[in-house]
N, C-alpha and C. Protein backbone atom coordinates (compact mmCIF):
# COMPACT_ATOMS: atom_id res chain seq x y z
N MET A 1 21.16 14.89 47.17
CA MET A 1 22.36 15.36 47.46
C MET A 1 23.05 14.09 48.31
N SER A 2 24.06 14.00 48.15
CA SER A 2 25.02 13.06 48.78
C SER A 2 25.52 13.56 50.06
N ALA A 3 25.72 12.96 51.15
CA ALA A 3 26.52 13.34 52.16
C ALA A 3 27.71 13.86 52.04
N MET A 4 28.21 14.95 52.84
CA MET A 4 29.31 15.44 53.13
C MET A 4 30.35 14.71 53.37
N THR A 5 31.28 14.52 52.49
CA THR A 5 32.78 13.74 53.19
C THR A 5 33.21 14.13 54.21
N GLY A 6 33.54 13.46 55.11
CA GLY A 6 34.15 13.79 56.45
C GLY A 6 35.55 14.28 56.20
N LEU A 7 36.03 15.07 57.62
CA LEU A 7 37.50 15.75 57.28
C LEU A 7 38.11 15.26 58.67
N THR A 8 39.42 14.34 58.35
CA THR A 8 40.10 14.19 59.64
C THR A 8 41.39 15.39 59.22
N ILE A 9 41.63 16.18 60.23
CA ILE A 9 42.90 16.93 60.49
C ILE A 9 43.81 16.55 61.62
N LEU A 10 45.23 16.42 60.72
CA LEU A 10 46.28 16.10 61.58
C LEU A 10 47.31 17.26 61.88
N VAL A 11 47.42 17.54 63.33
CA VAL A 11 48.09 18.60 63.50
C VAL A 11 49.64 17.99 64.08
N ALA A 12 50.44 18.32 63.29
CA ALA A 12 51.78 17.68 63.42
C ALA A 12 52.78 18.83 64.05
N ALA A 13 52.72 19.90 64.37
CA ALA A 13 53.44 21.03 65.03
C ALA A 13 52.65 21.92 66.04
N PRO A 14 53.56 22.05 67.02
CA PRO A 14 53.20 22.86 68.22
C PRO A 14 52.95 24.39 67.65
N ASP A 15 52.41 24.72 66.57
CA ASP A 15 52.22 25.97 65.92
C ASP A 15 50.71 26.56 66.32
N GLN A 16 50.85 27.66 67.13
CA GLN A 16 49.63 28.03 67.56
C GLN A 16 48.71 28.58 66.16
N ALA A 17 49.44 29.31 65.15
CA ALA A 17 48.57 29.95 64.23
C ALA A 17 48.25 28.62 63.34
N ARG A 18 48.83 27.57 63.26
CA ARG A 18 48.33 26.20 62.33
C ARG A 18 47.43 25.53 62.97
N PHE A 19 47.47 25.49 64.52
CA PHE A 19 46.35 24.78 65.44
C PHE A 19 44.96 25.72 65.06
N ARG A 20 45.33 27.18 65.19
CA ARG A 20 43.84 27.75 64.88
C ARG A 20 43.31 27.75 63.75
N ALA A 21 44.04 27.49 62.69
CA ALA A 21 43.77 27.23 61.09
C ALA A 21 43.17 25.89 61.25
N ALA A 22 43.52 25.01 61.96
CA ALA A 22 42.95 23.48 61.84
C ALA A 22 41.69 23.38 62.56
N LEU A 23 41.50 24.20 63.66
CA LEU A 23 40.36 24.06 64.52
C LEU A 23 39.26 25.12 63.66
N THR A 24 40.11 26.08 62.92
CA THR A 24 38.71 26.84 62.38
C THR A 24 38.26 26.14 60.89
N LEU A 25 39.16 25.33 60.28
CA LEU A 25 38.83 24.44 59.10
C LEU A 25 37.72 23.63 59.72
N ALA A 26 38.04 22.71 60.69
CA ALA A 26 37.39 21.52 61.08
C ALA A 26 35.61 22.33 61.60
N LEU A 27 35.70 23.57 62.12
CA LEU A 27 34.63 24.18 62.62
C LEU A 27 33.68 24.52 61.39
N THR A 28 34.62 24.90 60.22
CA THR A 28 33.72 25.44 58.88
C THR A 28 33.16 24.16 58.50
N HIS A 29 34.20 23.07 58.52
CA HIS A 29 33.22 21.80 57.80
C HIS A 29 32.26 21.36 58.50
N ALA A 30 32.19 21.58 60.04
CA ALA A 30 31.26 21.08 61.14
C ALA A 30 29.78 21.93 60.57
N ALA A 31 30.24 23.20 60.46
CA ALA A 31 28.91 24.25 60.02
C ALA A 31 28.23 24.16 58.74
N LEU A 32 29.24 23.32 57.77
CA LEU A 32 28.55 22.83 56.41
C LEU A 32 27.77 21.83 56.52
N GLY A 33 27.79 20.92 57.68
CA GLY A 33 27.19 19.53 57.79
C GLY A 33 27.96 18.36 57.92
N GLY A 34 29.71 18.35 57.78
CA GLY A 34 30.03 17.56 57.95
C GLY A 34 30.81 17.13 58.87
N ARG A 35 31.32 15.94 59.01
CA ARG A 35 31.90 15.28 60.26
C ARG A 35 33.43 15.63 60.45
N ALA A 36 33.66 16.38 61.51
CA ALA A 36 35.23 16.44 61.39
C ALA A 36 35.87 16.00 62.77
N ARG A 37 36.99 15.73 62.59
CA ARG A 37 37.83 15.44 63.86
C ARG A 37 39.33 16.01 63.60
N VAL A 38 40.19 16.08 64.72
CA VAL A 38 41.34 16.87 64.85
C VAL A 38 42.06 15.83 65.70
N TYR A 39 43.13 15.12 64.98
CA TYR A 39 44.07 14.50 65.65
C TYR A 39 45.42 15.40 65.95
N VAL A 40 45.86 15.50 66.97
CA VAL A 40 46.78 16.36 67.49
C VAL A 40 48.16 15.45 67.93
N HIS A 41 49.22 15.52 67.00
CA HIS A 41 50.27 14.64 67.05
C HIS A 41 51.55 14.91 67.96
N GLU A 42 51.99 14.28 68.46
CA GLU A 42 53.31 14.18 69.38
C GLU A 42 53.39 15.46 69.99
N THR A 43 54.44 16.38 69.42
CA THR A 43 55.05 17.48 70.10
C THR A 43 53.87 18.58 70.06
N ALA A 44 52.97 18.48 69.36
CA ALA A 44 51.69 19.29 69.30
C ALA A 44 50.52 19.37 70.22
N VAL A 45 50.74 18.09 70.88
CA VAL A 45 49.80 17.71 72.33
C VAL A 45 49.87 18.71 73.17
N PRO A 46 50.86 19.47 73.80
CA PRO A 46 50.79 20.62 74.92
C PRO A 46 49.48 21.69 74.49
N LEU A 47 49.26 21.67 73.01
CA LEU A 47 48.47 22.63 72.92
C LEU A 47 47.16 22.40 73.24
N LEU A 48 46.97 21.29 73.66
CA LEU A 48 45.49 20.80 74.13
C LEU A 48 45.56 21.31 75.93
N GLY A 49 46.28 21.64 76.60
CA GLY A 49 46.57 21.79 77.75
C GLY A 49 45.48 22.62 78.24
N ARG A 50 45.04 22.36 79.45
CA ARG A 50 44.21 23.24 79.92
C ARG A 50 44.61 24.39 80.93
N LEU A 51 45.59 24.73 80.93
CA LEU A 51 46.13 25.99 81.51
C LEU A 51 46.69 26.92 80.44
N PRO A 52 46.87 28.44 80.54
CA PRO A 52 47.34 29.24 79.85
C PRO A 52 48.77 28.90 79.60
N ARG A 53 49.15 29.26 78.51
CA ARG A 53 50.64 28.88 77.89
C ARG A 53 51.24 30.30 77.62
N ALA A 54 52.62 30.59 77.72
CA ALA A 54 53.12 31.62 77.41
C ALA A 54 53.02 32.17 75.98
N ASP A 55 52.84 31.32 74.90
CA ASP A 55 52.80 31.75 73.70
C ASP A 55 51.27 32.21 73.30
N ASP A 56 50.40 31.74 74.21
CA ASP A 56 48.85 32.43 74.04
C ASP A 56 48.94 33.80 73.66
N THR A 57 47.92 34.10 72.68
CA THR A 57 47.79 35.65 72.22
C THR A 57 45.94 35.83 72.71
N SER A 58 45.86 35.64 74.02
CA SER A 58 44.41 35.81 74.18
C SER A 58 44.05 37.28 74.24
N ASP A 59 44.85 38.44 74.59
CA ASP A 59 44.58 39.67 74.54
C ASP A 59 44.21 40.58 72.97
N ARG A 60 45.18 39.93 72.43
CA ARG A 60 45.18 40.26 71.33
C ARG A 60 44.11 39.58 70.23
N LEU A 61 43.83 38.48 70.62
CA LEU A 61 42.63 37.92 69.62
C LEU A 61 41.49 38.47 70.33
N ALA A 62 41.20 38.54 71.88
CA ALA A 62 39.75 39.17 72.37
C ALA A 62 39.90 40.57 71.92
N ALA A 63 40.75 41.42 71.82
CA ALA A 63 40.69 42.88 71.00
C ALA A 63 40.21 42.63 69.48
N ASN A 64 40.48 41.71 68.77
CA ASN A 64 39.78 41.67 67.49
C ASN A 64 38.40 40.83 67.41
N GLY A 65 38.09 40.74 68.61
CA GLY A 65 36.81 39.79 68.64
C GLY A 65 36.71 38.31 68.23
N LEU A 66 37.98 37.72 68.46
CA LEU A 66 38.27 36.15 68.37
C LEU A 66 38.47 35.60 69.69
N PRO A 67 38.04 34.12 69.54
CA PRO A 67 37.93 33.27 70.92
C PRO A 67 39.89 32.75 70.81
N ASP A 68 39.98 32.80 72.25
CA ASP A 68 41.48 32.40 72.25
C ASP A 68 41.45 30.96 72.09
N ARG A 69 42.84 30.26 72.23
CA ARG A 69 43.03 28.96 72.34
C ARG A 69 41.85 27.96 73.10
N LEU A 70 41.89 28.40 74.18
CA LEU A 70 41.10 27.20 75.08
C LEU A 70 39.58 27.82 74.45
N ASP A 71 39.09 28.69 74.21
CA ASP A 71 37.71 29.07 73.69
C ASP A 71 37.43 28.30 72.52
N LEU A 72 38.48 28.58 71.73
CA LEU A 72 38.46 27.71 70.35
C LEU A 72 38.10 26.20 70.38
N ILE A 73 39.16 25.69 71.45
CA ILE A 73 38.81 24.19 71.65
C ILE A 73 37.42 24.22 72.15
N ALA A 74 37.09 24.60 73.12
CA ALA A 74 35.82 24.62 73.86
C ALA A 74 34.59 24.71 72.65
N ILE A 75 34.70 25.54 71.35
CA ILE A 75 33.79 25.88 70.67
C ILE A 75 33.71 24.52 69.70
N ALA A 76 35.03 24.08 69.40
CA ALA A 76 35.17 22.72 68.58
C ALA A 76 34.41 21.85 69.25
N LEU A 77 34.67 21.51 70.53
CA LEU A 77 34.09 20.27 71.15
C LEU A 77 32.76 20.50 71.19
N GLU A 78 32.17 21.61 71.58
CA GLU A 78 30.60 21.73 71.42
C GLU A 78 29.94 21.64 70.03
N ALA A 79 30.71 21.59 68.89
CA ALA A 79 30.32 21.45 67.55
C ALA A 79 30.40 19.91 67.17
N ASP A 80 30.80 19.31 68.42
CA ASP A 80 30.89 17.63 68.12
C ASP A 80 31.85 17.26 67.29
N ILE A 81 32.82 18.27 67.43
CA ILE A 81 34.31 17.90 66.61
C ILE A 81 35.17 17.27 67.81
N ALA A 82 35.59 15.64 67.33
CA ALA A 82 36.24 15.07 68.13
C ALA A 82 37.69 15.40 68.10
N ILE A 83 38.48 15.77 69.23
CA ILE A 83 39.62 16.14 69.21
C ILE A 83 40.40 15.02 70.09
N ILE A 84 41.52 14.77 69.17
CA ILE A 84 42.29 13.23 70.00
C ILE A 84 43.74 13.89 69.79
N ALA A 85 44.12 13.49 71.18
CA ALA A 85 45.24 13.71 71.77
C ALA A 85 46.32 12.39 71.21
N CYS A 86 47.34 12.67 70.79
CA CYS A 86 48.27 11.56 70.58
C CYS A 86 49.07 10.87 71.99
N GLN A 87 48.61 9.46 72.38
CA GLN A 87 48.99 9.15 73.33
C GLN A 87 50.55 9.21 73.48
N THR A 88 51.44 9.00 72.43
CA THR A 88 52.88 8.85 72.36
C THR A 88 53.12 10.52 72.82
N GLY A 89 52.21 11.38 72.25
CA GLY A 89 52.68 12.87 72.63
C GLY A 89 52.45 13.25 74.01
N MET A 90 51.50 12.45 74.58
CA MET A 90 51.25 12.59 75.80
C MET A 90 52.37 12.28 76.94
N ALA A 91 52.75 11.11 76.22
CA ALA A 91 53.96 10.38 76.96
C ALA A 91 55.23 11.48 76.97
N ILE A 92 55.29 11.60 75.84
CA ILE A 92 56.45 12.63 75.68
C ILE A 92 56.45 13.97 76.33
N ALA A 93 55.24 14.47 76.71
CA ALA A 93 55.18 15.86 77.35
C ALA A 93 54.65 15.84 78.60
N GLU A 94 54.89 14.59 79.15
CA GLU A 94 54.54 14.05 80.60
C GLU A 94 53.27 14.69 81.04
N LEU A 95 52.04 14.39 80.27
CA LEU A 95 50.74 15.11 80.22
C LEU A 95 49.77 13.83 80.45
N SER A 96 49.02 13.97 81.28
CA SER A 96 48.07 12.76 81.40
C SER A 96 46.71 13.56 80.83
N ILE A 97 45.56 12.60 80.69
CA ILE A 97 44.28 13.10 80.01
C ILE A 97 43.75 14.39 80.85
N ASP A 98 43.99 14.02 82.23
CA ASP A 98 43.58 15.44 83.16
C ASP A 98 44.17 16.68 83.00
N ASP A 99 45.12 16.56 82.26
CA ASP A 99 46.21 17.97 82.30
C ASP A 99 45.32 18.38 80.80
N LEU A 100 44.52 17.81 79.99
CA LEU A 100 44.26 18.52 78.88
C LEU A 100 42.83 19.10 78.83
N VAL A 101 42.21 19.97 78.32
CA VAL A 101 41.06 20.42 78.19
C VAL A 101 39.98 19.10 78.12
N ASP A 102 38.87 19.53 79.23
CA ASP A 102 38.01 18.39 79.04
C ASP A 102 37.16 18.11 77.77
N GLY A 103 37.00 16.92 77.75
CA GLY A 103 36.24 16.78 76.11
C GLY A 103 37.41 16.20 75.49
N VAL A 104 38.84 16.32 75.68
CA VAL A 104 39.59 15.91 74.55
C VAL A 104 39.72 14.42 74.80
N GLU A 105 40.05 13.59 73.82
CA GLU A 105 40.17 11.88 73.92
C GLU A 105 41.88 11.61 73.71
N ALA A 106 42.08 10.69 74.20
CA ALA A 106 43.30 10.28 73.90
C ALA A 106 43.46 8.90 73.09
N GLY A 107 44.05 9.12 71.85
CA GLY A 107 44.15 8.15 70.83
C GLY A 107 45.52 7.77 70.25
N GLY A 108 45.38 6.92 69.15
CA GLY A 108 46.71 6.73 68.57
C GLY A 108 46.55 6.72 66.64
N LEU A 109 47.61 6.96 66.54
CA LEU A 109 47.60 7.43 64.74
C LEU A 109 46.84 5.91 64.22
N MET A 110 47.55 5.08 64.47
CA MET A 110 46.98 3.76 63.78
C MET A 110 45.29 3.66 64.06
N ALA A 111 44.90 3.78 64.93
CA ALA A 111 43.30 3.97 65.25
C ALA A 111 42.77 5.00 64.26
N MET A 112 43.40 6.24 64.24
CA MET A 112 42.86 7.29 63.39
C MET A 112 42.81 6.89 61.95
N MET A 113 43.93 6.30 61.61
CA MET A 113 44.16 5.70 60.12
C MET A 113 43.07 4.77 59.78
N THR A 114 43.06 3.78 60.76
CA THR A 114 42.35 2.72 60.31
C THR A 114 40.86 3.17 60.16
N THR A 115 40.24 4.40 61.02
CA THR A 115 39.14 4.59 60.82
C THR A 115 38.79 5.97 60.02
N LEU A 116 39.65 6.04 59.00
CA LEU A 116 39.80 7.18 58.29
C LEU A 116 38.80 6.89 57.00
N GLY A 117 38.51 5.93 56.53
CA GLY A 117 37.15 5.81 55.52
C GLY A 117 37.36 6.41 54.41
N ASP A 118 36.40 7.43 54.11
CA ASP A 118 36.26 7.95 53.06
C ASP A 118 36.81 9.44 53.03
N ASP A 119 37.00 9.75 54.35
CA ASP A 119 37.44 11.13 55.17
C ASP A 119 38.39 11.50 54.25
N ARG A 120 38.44 13.04 53.96
CA ARG A 120 39.44 13.79 53.25
C ARG A 120 40.60 13.86 54.74
N LEU A 121 41.87 14.15 54.42
CA LEU A 121 42.89 14.21 55.63
C LEU A 121 43.66 15.43 54.90
N ALA A 122 43.72 16.20 56.00
CA ALA A 122 44.42 17.49 55.83
C ALA A 122 45.64 17.26 56.96
N THR A 123 46.43 18.29 56.67
CA THR A 123 47.61 18.08 57.63
C THR A 123 48.28 19.75 57.79
N PHE A 124 48.34 20.10 59.27
CA PHE A 124 48.62 21.17 59.63
C PHE A 124 49.85 21.11 60.61
């Protein structure tokens, strides 16, 4: 049996539902034994902020037994999924790495693309 192809996911919009779907896809891929990473581009970077957001749906998610945004990020990081914040997006949002959830890395689209290799690329 050959090794599973890696999965790189690009989150391009600041949409909570798409972000959750991206992290859930990455977690599923990792659970199946594949390497996964999530690159959060430009205007989507604030989704990686360590503080609660006005558009968080924590109560509704908890009522249905689901992790909220911050918990889902933590679960992904614990599963060794690399989460990369676009440096340009950090600058646009005036965020430093200290403003983001611990464990999130800063990086650029060029570096992500040059290390893509045989990974599948999905966008959200």
